[in-house]
């Protein structure tokens, strides 16, 4: 199975819940399948999981986004995976496209790639 990983960051501004809500709203063709929030030692984290059906190859791609806010820095780790089908499990770029969609939303919010 193939995957694409994108790491992003920005100086802390606003709440992680606002970032998560915008991702959930703007990834409208994706199905949210899980959300977990944690706080520990002055830091906060939100884990979001999505899946998306790609009709062109009849497969699903997954997206996991880990948002963290600690010590004045907000980070986003984006992992697009799956999207393949058949014996060779070619994704035809579905997982990368899914990850890129999330990264574009975060870029619009001031995140930059590490």
C-alpha atoms as a PDB file:
ATOM      1  CA  UNK A   1       0.000   0.000   0.000  1.00  0.00           C
ATOM      2  CA  UNK A   2       1.325   3.414  -0.870  1.00  0.00           C
ATOM      3  CA  UNK A   3       1.073   6.587   1.162  1.00  0.00           C
ATOM      4  CA  UNK A   4       1.984  10.274   1.150  1.00  0.00           C
ATOM      5  CA  UNK A   5       3.104  12.161   4.250  1.00  0.00           C
ATOM      6  CA  UNK A   6       3.081  15.963   4.544  1.00  0.00           C
ATOM      7  CA  UNK A   7       4.356  17.814   7.631  1.00  0.00           C
ATOM      8  CA  UNK A   8       3.327  21.424   8.222  1.00  0.00           C
ATOM      9  CA  UNK A   9       3.581  24.065  10.941  1.00  0.00           C
ATOM     10  CA  UNK A  10       2.715  27.629  11.914  1.00  0.00           C
ATOM     11  CA  UNK A  11       3.047  29.825  15.002  1.00  0.00           C
ATOM     12  CA  UNK A  12       0.170  29.081  17.389  1.00  0.00           C
ATOM     13  CA  UNK A  13      -2.958  31.094  16.652  1.00  0.00           C
ATOM     14  CA  UNK A  14      -6.497  30.127  17.467  1.00  0.00           C
ATOM     15  CA  UNK A  15      -7.748  26.774  18.698  1.00  0.00           C
ATOM     16  CA  UNK A  16      -7.122  23.350  17.183  1.00  0.00           C
ATOM     17  CA  UNK A  17     -10.882  22.809  17.225  1.00  0.00           C
ATOM     18  CA  UNK A  18     -11.238  25.667  14.696  1.00  0.00           C
ATOM     19  CA  UNK A  19      -8.681  24.060  12.388  1.00  0.00           C
ATOM     20  CA  UNK A  20     -10.363  20.664  12.722  1.00  0.00           C
ATOM     21  CA  UNK A  21     -13.791  22.168  11.983  1.00  0.00           C
ATOM     22  CA  UNK A  22     -12.511  23.824   8.824  1.00  0.00           C
ATOM     23  CA  UNK A  23     -10.943  20.579   7.598  1.00  0.00           C
ATOM     24  CA  UNK A  24     -14.194  18.724   8.278  1.00  0.00           C
ATOM     25  CA  UNK A  25     -16.175  21.388   6.411  1.00  0.00           C
ATOM     26  CA  UNK A  26     -13.902  21.826   3.405  1.00  0.00           C
ATOM     27  CA  UNK A  27     -13.085  18.169   2.811  1.00  0.00           C
ATOM     28  CA  UNK A  28     -16.762  17.825   1.919  1.00  0.00           C
ATOM     29  CA  UNK A  29     -16.339  14.871  -0.425  1.00  0.00           C
ATOM     30  CA  UNK A  30     -14.682  12.882   2.355  1.00  0.00           C
ATOM     31  CA  UNK A  31     -16.440  10.945   5.071  1.00  0.00           C
ATOM     32  CA  UNK A  32     -15.219  11.798   8.612  1.00  0.00           C
ATOM     33  CA  UNK A  33     -14.753   8.478  10.405  1.00  0.00           C
ATOM     34  CA  UNK A  34     -13.062   9.502  13.645  1.00  0.00           C
ATOM     35  CA  UNK A  35     -11.953  12.417  15.803  1.00  0.00           C
ATOM     36  CA  UNK A  36     -10.030  12.314  19.069  1.00  0.00           C
ATOM     37  CA  UNK A  37      -8.882  15.249  21.230  1.00  0.00           C
ATOM     38  CA  UNK A  38      -6.219  15.120  23.971  1.00  0.00           C
ATOM     39  CA  UNK A  39      -4.552  17.583  26.356  1.00  0.00           C
ATOM     40  CA  UNK A  40      -1.377  16.895  28.281  1.00  0.00           C
ATOM     41  CA  UNK A  41       1.358  18.998  29.923  1.00  0.00           C
ATOM     42  CA  UNK A  42       0.086  22.245  28.445  1.00  0.00           C
ATOM     43  CA  UNK A  43      -0.165  20.834  24.928  1.00  0.00           C
ATOM     44  CA  UNK A  44      -3.170  19.826  22.874  1.00  0.00           C
ATOM     45  CA  UNK A  45      -3.686  17.325  20.049  1.00  0.00           C
ATOM     46  CA  UNK A  46      -6.526  16.467  17.689  1.00  0.00           C
ATOM     47  CA  UNK A  47      -6.508  13.375  15.481  1.00  0.00           C
ATOM     48  CA  UNK A  48      -8.878  13.349  12.496  1.00  0.00           C
ATOM     49  CA  UNK A  49      -9.573  10.398  10.201  1.00  0.00           C
ATOM     50  CA  UNK A  50     -11.398  10.492   6.880  1.00  0.00           C
ATOM     51  CA  UNK A  51     -12.101   8.118   4.020  1.00  0.00           C
ATOM     52  CA  UNK A  52     -13.074   8.799   0.457  1.00  0.00           C
ATOM     53  CA  UNK A  53     -14.405   6.599  -2.352  1.00  0.00           C
ATOM     54  CA  UNK A  54     -12.701   7.026  -5.718  1.00  0.00           C
ATOM     55  CA  UNK A  55     -15.080   5.910  -8.440  1.00  0.00           C
ATOM     56  CA  UNK A  56     -12.397   5.941 -11.149  1.00  0.00           C
ATOM     57  CA  UNK A  57     -10.768   2.835  -9.694  1.00  0.00           C
ATOM     58  CA  UNK A  58     -13.447   1.663  -7.255  1.00  0.00           C
ATOM     59  CA  UNK A  59     -11.318   1.980  -4.136  1.00  0.00           C
ATOM     60  CA  UNK A  60     -11.136   3.889  -0.880  1.00  0.00           C
ATOM     61  CA  UNK A  61      -8.368   6.205   0.270  1.00  0.00           C
ATOM     62  CA  UNK A  62      -7.759   7.104   3.902  1.00  0.00           C
ATOM     63  CA  UNK A  63      -6.570  10.357   5.417  1.00  0.00           C
ATOM     64  CA  UNK A  64      -5.230  10.885   8.927  1.00  0.00           C
ATOM     65  CA  UNK A  65      -4.437  14.398  10.184  1.00  0.00           C
ATOM     66  CA  UNK A  66      -2.712  14.905  13.531  1.00  0.00           C
ATOM     67  CA  UNK A  67      -2.908  18.510  14.757  1.00  0.00           C
ATOM     68  CA  UNK A  68      -0.797  19.560  17.739  1.00  0.00           C
ATOM     69  CA  UNK A  69      -0.414  22.798  19.679  1.00  0.00           C
ATOM     70  CA  UNK A  70       2.544  22.946  22.052  1.00  0.00           C
ATOM     71  CA  UNK A  71       4.968  25.620  23.183  1.00  0.00           C
ATOM     72  CA  UNK A  72       3.755  28.293  20.755  1.00  0.00           C
ATOM     73  CA  UNK A  73       3.808  26.068  17.655  1.00  0.00           C
ATOM     74  CA  UNK A  74       0.971  24.335  15.844  1.00  0.00           C
ATOM     75  CA  UNK A  75       1.825  21.369  13.655  1.00  0.00           C
ATOM     76  CA  UNK A  76      -0.071  19.179  11.221  1.00  0.00           C
ATOM     77  CA  UNK A  77       1.019  15.706  10.159  1.00  0.00           C
ATOM     78  CA  UNK A  78      -1.013  14.541   7.169  1.00  0.00           C
ATOM     79  CA  UNK A  79      -0.979  10.933   5.969  1.00  0.00           C
ATOM     80  CA  UNK A  80      -2.895   9.917   2.855  1.00  0.00           C
ATOM     81  CA  UNK A  81      -2.996   6.162   2.320  1.00  0.00           C
ATOM     82  CA  UNK A  82      -4.726   3.417   0.401  1.00  0.00           C
ATOM     83  CA  UNK A  83      -6.575   4.200  -2.777  1.00  0.00           C
ATOM     84  CA  UNK A  84      -5.168   1.163  -4.570  1.00  0.00           C
ATOM     85  CA  UNK A  85      -6.912  -1.784  -6.104  1.00  0.00           C
ATOM     86  CA  UNK A  86      -6.043  -4.898  -7.979  1.00  0.00           C
ATOM     87  CA  UNK A  87      -3.121  -7.278  -7.644  1.00  0.00           C
ATOM     88  CA  UNK A  88      -0.490  -4.523  -7.818  1.00  0.00           C
ATOM     89  CA  UNK A  89      -2.448  -2.133  -5.570  1.00  0.00           C
ATOM     90  CA  UNK A  90      -1.872   0.964  -7.748  1.00  0.00           C
ATOM     91  CA  UNK A  91      -3.485   4.034  -6.206  1.00  0.00           C
ATOM     92  CA  UNK A  92      -3.248   6.208  -9.343  1.00  0.00           C
ATOM     93  CA  UNK A  93      -2.400   9.100  -6.995  1.00  0.00           C
ATOM     94  CA  UNK A  94      -5.618   8.969  -4.953  1.00  0.00           C
ATOM     95  CA  UNK A  95      -3.798   8.962  -1.607  1.00  0.00           C
ATOM     96  CA  UNK A  96      -1.503  11.828  -2.627  1.00  0.00           C
ATOM     97  CA  UNK A  97      -4.468  13.846  -3.921  1.00  0.00           C
ATOM     98  CA  UNK A  98      -6.314  13.346  -0.638  1.00  0.00           C
ATOM     99  CA  UNK A  99      -3.289  14.494   1.394  1.00  0.00           C
ATOM    100  CA  UNK A 100      -2.744  17.465  -0.934  1.00  0.00           C
ATOM    101  CA  UNK A 101      -6.378  18.576  -0.477  1.00  0.00           C
ATOM    102  CA  UNK A 102      -5.889  18.766   3.306  1.00  0.00           C
ATOM    103  CA  UNK A 103      -2.517  20.514   2.920  1.00  0.00           C
ATOM    104  CA  UNK A 104      -4.061  23.184   0.679  1.00  0.00           C
ATOM    105  CA  UNK A 105      -6.720  23.974   3.290  1.00  0.00           C
ATOM    106  CA  UNK A 106      -4.009  24.299   5.950  1.00  0.00           C
ATOM    107  CA  UNK A 107      -1.866  26.509   3.670  1.00  0.00           C
ATOM    108  CA  UNK A 108      -4.819  28.880   3.420  1.00  0.00           C
ATOM    109  CA  UNK A 109      -4.766  29.008   7.247  1.00  0.00           C
ATOM    110  CA  UNK A 110      -1.084  30.018   7.353  1.00  0.00           C
ATOM    111  CA  UNK A 111       0.603  26.609   7.676  1.00  0.00           C
ATOM    112  CA  UNK A 112       3.813  25.994   5.736  1.00  0.00           C
ATOM    113  CA  UNK A 113       5.509  22.718   4.904  1.00  0.00           C
ATOM    114  CA  UNK A 114       8.481  21.726   7.039  1.00  0.00           C
END
